[in-house]
C-alpha atoms as a PDB file:
ATOM      1  CA  UNK A   1      91.354 118.714 115.202  1.00  0.00           C
ATOM      2  CA  UNK A   2      91.219 117.596 111.600  1.00  0.00           C
ATOM      3  CA  UNK A   3      92.397 114.930 109.213  1.00  0.00           C
ATOM      4  CA  UNK A   4      95.706 113.319 110.164  1.00  0.00           C
ATOM      5  CA  UNK A   5      97.878 110.970 108.123  1.00  0.00           C
ATOM      6  CA  UNK A   6     101.561 110.239 107.562  1.00  0.00           C
ATOM      7  CA  UNK A   7     101.831 113.192 105.162  1.00  0.00           C
ATOM      8  CA  UNK A   8     100.622 115.620 107.843  1.00  0.00           C
ATOM      9  CA  UNK A   9     102.147 114.071 110.978  1.00  0.00           C
ATOM     10  CA  UNK A  10     105.685 114.845 112.149  1.00  0.00           C
ATOM     11  CA  UNK A  11     107.921 111.943 111.108  1.00  0.00           C
ATOM     12  CA  UNK A  12     110.442 110.531 113.593  1.00  0.00           C
ATOM     13  CA  UNK A  13     113.176 107.926 113.198  1.00  0.00           C
ATOM     14  CA  UNK A  14     114.087 105.090 115.556  1.00  0.00           C
ATOM     15  CA  UNK A  15     116.549 102.161 115.515  1.00  0.00           C
ATOM     16  CA  UNK A  16     118.403 104.030 112.725  1.00  0.00           C
ATOM     17  CA  UNK A  17     116.226 102.897 109.782  1.00  0.00           C
ATOM     18  CA  UNK A  18     112.687 102.661 111.192  1.00  0.00           C
ATOM     19  CA  UNK A  19     110.123 105.464 110.907  1.00  0.00           C
ATOM     20  CA  UNK A  20     107.090 106.556 112.860  1.00  0.00           C
ATOM     21  CA  UNK A  21     104.318 109.115 112.704  1.00  0.00           C
ATOM     22  CA  UNK A  22     102.345 110.212 115.800  1.00  0.00           C
ATOM     23  CA  UNK A  23      98.718 110.323 114.685  1.00  0.00           C
ATOM     24  CA  UNK A  24      97.293 110.982 118.168  1.00  0.00           C
ATOM     25  CA  UNK A  25      99.498 112.221 121.010  1.00  0.00           C
ATOM     26  CA  UNK A  26      97.528 112.805 124.199  1.00  0.00           C
ATOM     27  CA  UNK A  27      98.536 111.935 127.776  1.00  0.00           C
ATOM     28  CA  UNK A  28      95.836 109.253 127.953  1.00  0.00           C
ATOM     29  CA  UNK A  29      96.131 107.903 124.410  1.00  0.00           C
ATOM     30  CA  UNK A  30      98.826 107.499 121.778  1.00  0.00           C
ATOM     31  CA  UNK A  31      98.296 106.260 118.217  1.00  0.00           C
ATOM     32  CA  UNK A  32     101.383 105.856 116.045  1.00  0.00           C
ATOM     33  CA  UNK A  33     101.912 104.458 112.581  1.00  0.00           C
ATOM     34  CA  UNK A  34     105.324 102.835 112.270  1.00  0.00           C
ATOM     35  CA  UNK A  35     107.381 101.343 109.449  1.00  0.00           C
ATOM     36  CA  UNK A  36     110.106  98.737 109.887  1.00  0.00           C
ATOM     37  CA  UNK A  37     112.313  97.794 106.933  1.00  0.00           C
ATOM     38  CA  UNK A  38     113.293  94.139 106.424  1.00  0.00           C
ATOM     39  CA  UNK A  39     115.636  92.703 109.053  1.00  0.00           C
ATOM     40  CA  UNK A  40     114.978  95.325 111.748  1.00  0.00           C
ATOM     41  CA  UNK A  41     113.906  94.942 115.370  1.00  0.00           C
ATOM     42  CA  UNK A  42     113.315  97.026 118.449  1.00  0.00           C
ATOM     43  CA  UNK A  43     114.870  96.591 121.876  1.00  0.00           C
ATOM     44  CA  UNK A  44     112.976  94.141 124.105  1.00  0.00           C
ATOM     45  CA  UNK A  45     111.117  96.227 126.678  1.00  0.00           C
ATOM     46  CA  UNK A  46     107.923  96.686 128.676  1.00  0.00           C
ATOM     47  CA  UNK A  47     105.688  99.532 129.786  1.00  0.00           C
ATOM     48  CA  UNK A  48     104.759  99.840 133.463  1.00  0.00           C
ATOM     49  CA  UNK A  49     101.517 101.752 132.836  1.00  0.00           C
ATOM     50  CA  UNK A  50     100.552 101.500 129.174  1.00  0.00           C
ATOM     51  CA  UNK A  51      98.417  98.808 127.587  1.00  0.00           C
ATOM     52  CA  UNK A  52      99.217  98.500 123.874  1.00  0.00           C
ATOM     53  CA  UNK A  53      97.527  97.179 120.768  1.00  0.00           C
ATOM     54  CA  UNK A  54      99.553  96.462 117.620  1.00  0.00           C
ATOM     55  CA  UNK A  55      97.576  96.313 114.354  1.00  0.00           C
ATOM     56  CA  UNK A  56      99.312  95.303 111.109  1.00  0.00           C
ATOM     57  CA  UNK A  57      98.558  97.386 108.007  1.00  0.00           C
ATOM     58  CA  UNK A  58     100.962  95.594 105.636  1.00  0.00           C
ATOM     59  CA  UNK A  59     103.767  93.062 105.887  1.00  0.00           C
ATOM     60  CA  UNK A  60     104.363  90.513 108.634  1.00  0.00           C
ATOM     61  CA  UNK A  61     105.029  91.479 112.252  1.00  0.00           C
ATOM     62  CA  UNK A  62     107.034  88.960 114.277  1.00  0.00           C
ATOM     63  CA  UNK A  63     106.497  89.899 117.899  1.00  0.00           C
ATOM     64  CA  UNK A  64     107.685  88.157 121.025  1.00  0.00           C
ATOM     65  CA  UNK A  65     105.299  88.775 123.918  1.00  0.00           C
ATOM     66  CA  UNK A  66     106.131  87.412 127.355  1.00  0.00           C
ATOM     67  CA  UNK A  67     108.303  84.656 125.875  1.00  0.00           C
ATOM     68  CA  UNK A  68     105.843  83.556 123.164  1.00  0.00           C
ATOM     69  CA  UNK A  69     106.370  84.334 119.450  1.00  0.00           C
ATOM     70  CA  UNK A  70     103.500  85.531 117.249  1.00  0.00           C
ATOM     71  CA  UNK A  71     103.408  86.207 113.494  1.00  0.00           C
ATOM     72  CA  UNK A  72     100.786  88.761 112.454  1.00  0.00           C
ATOM     73  CA  UNK A  73      99.748  89.578 108.889  1.00  0.00           C
ATOM     74  CA  UNK A  74      97.714  92.490 107.515  1.00  0.00           C
ATOM     75  CA  UNK A  75      94.516  93.049 109.522  1.00  0.00           C
ATOM     76  CA  UNK A  76      95.815  91.013 112.487  1.00  0.00           C
ATOM     77  CA  UNK A  77      96.261  92.623 115.896  1.00  0.00           C
ATOM     78  CA  UNK A  78      97.606  91.746 119.325  1.00  0.00           C
ATOM     79  CA  UNK A  79      97.064  93.327 122.747  1.00  0.00           C
ATOM     80  CA  UNK A  80      99.934  93.666 125.208  1.00  0.00           C
ATOM     81  CA  UNK A  81      99.195  94.194 128.897  1.00  0.00           C
ATOM     82  CA  UNK A  82     101.275  96.521 131.078  1.00  0.00           C
ATOM     83  CA  UNK A  83     104.486  95.002 132.512  1.00  0.00           C
ATOM     84  CA  UNK A  84     104.674  92.419 129.700  1.00  0.00           C
ATOM     85  CA  UNK A  85     108.075  92.257 127.975  1.00  0.00           C
ATOM     86  CA  UNK A  86     107.817  92.371 124.194  1.00  0.00           C
ATOM     87  CA  UNK A  87     109.911  92.891 121.069  1.00  0.00           C
ATOM     88  CA  UNK A  88     108.718  93.675 117.529  1.00  0.00           C
ATOM     89  CA  UNK A  89     110.738  92.407 114.554  1.00  0.00           C
ATOM     90  CA  UNK A  90     110.508  92.348 110.796  1.00  0.00           C
ATOM     91  CA  UNK A  91     112.040  89.051 109.692  1.00  0.00           C
ATOM     92  CA  UNK A  92     110.565  89.314 106.190  1.00  0.00           C
ATOM     93  CA  UNK A  93     111.979  90.735 102.966  1.00  0.00           C
ATOM     94  CA  UNK A  94     109.311  93.474 102.718  1.00  0.00           C
ATOM     95  CA  UNK A  95     108.543  96.620 104.694  1.00  0.00           C
ATOM     96  CA  UNK A  96     106.248  96.210 107.692  1.00  0.00           C
ATOM     97  CA  UNK A  97     103.695  98.923 108.527  1.00  0.00           C
ATOM     98  CA  UNK A  98     101.532  98.852 111.631  1.00  0.00           C
ATOM     99  CA  UNK A  99      99.625 100.949 114.132  1.00  0.00           C
ATOM    100  CA  UNK A 100     100.552 100.894 117.797  1.00  0.00           C
ATOM    101  CA  UNK A 101      97.857 102.225 120.108  1.00  0.00           C
ATOM    102  CA  UNK A 102      98.821 102.885 123.726  1.00  0.00           C
ATOM    103  CA  UNK A 103      96.681 103.894 126.703  1.00  0.00           C
ATOM    104  CA  UNK A 104      97.879 105.846 128.480  1.00  0.00           C
ATOM    105  CA  UNK A 105     100.657 107.140 126.210  1.00  0.00           C
ATOM    106  CA  UNK A 106     104.134 105.625 126.573  1.00  0.00           C
ATOM    107  CA  UNK A 107     106.170 108.793 127.125  1.00  0.00           C
ATOM    108  CA  UNK A 108     108.564 108.121 130.042  1.00  0.00           C
ATOM    109  CA  UNK A 109     107.088 104.599 130.358  1.00  0.00           C
ATOM    110  CA  UNK A 110     109.577 102.348 128.568  1.00  0.00           C
ATOM    111  CA  UNK A 111     111.776  99.957 130.547  1.00  0.00           C
ATOM    112  CA  UNK A 112     114.440  97.783 128.914  1.00  0.00           C
ATOM    113  CA  UNK A 113     113.794  94.081 129.526  1.00  0.00           C
ATOM    114  CA  UNK A 114     116.266  91.226 129.771  1.00  0.00           C
ATOM    115  CA  UNK A 115     117.408  89.580 126.568  1.00  0.00           C
ATOM    116  CA  UNK A 116     114.760  87.647 124.668  1.00  0.00           C
ATOM    117  CA  UNK A 117     114.221  84.096 125.911  1.00  0.00           C
ATOM    118  CA  UNK A 118     115.831  81.246 123.987  1.00  0.00           C
ATOM    119  CA  UNK A 119     113.624  79.605 121.364  1.00  0.00           C
END
């Protein structure tokens, strides 16, 4: 136990240019800080067990949740229930940084969802 931050956490890469740092990694709880450069997105997916909370630190998070689009700015958050398809995107021209808190953790609990609904 001790102080944790992105300088001390093990950095990982996803979707080629996005970064993440596991701040808490326990079976019942996961807290990650993630960074998405401009124009990036994740695969649309859902979690069968995990409930998630996304909290924006900087930038603008465009996130589709169950067919509805939300735009979150710094200090905005959104909760995502289990079995709810979602997709995070950064449509802006600046980096996006956010926390994603999952309970329980999402290891082995990620299922690809159908393509995003038409807008």
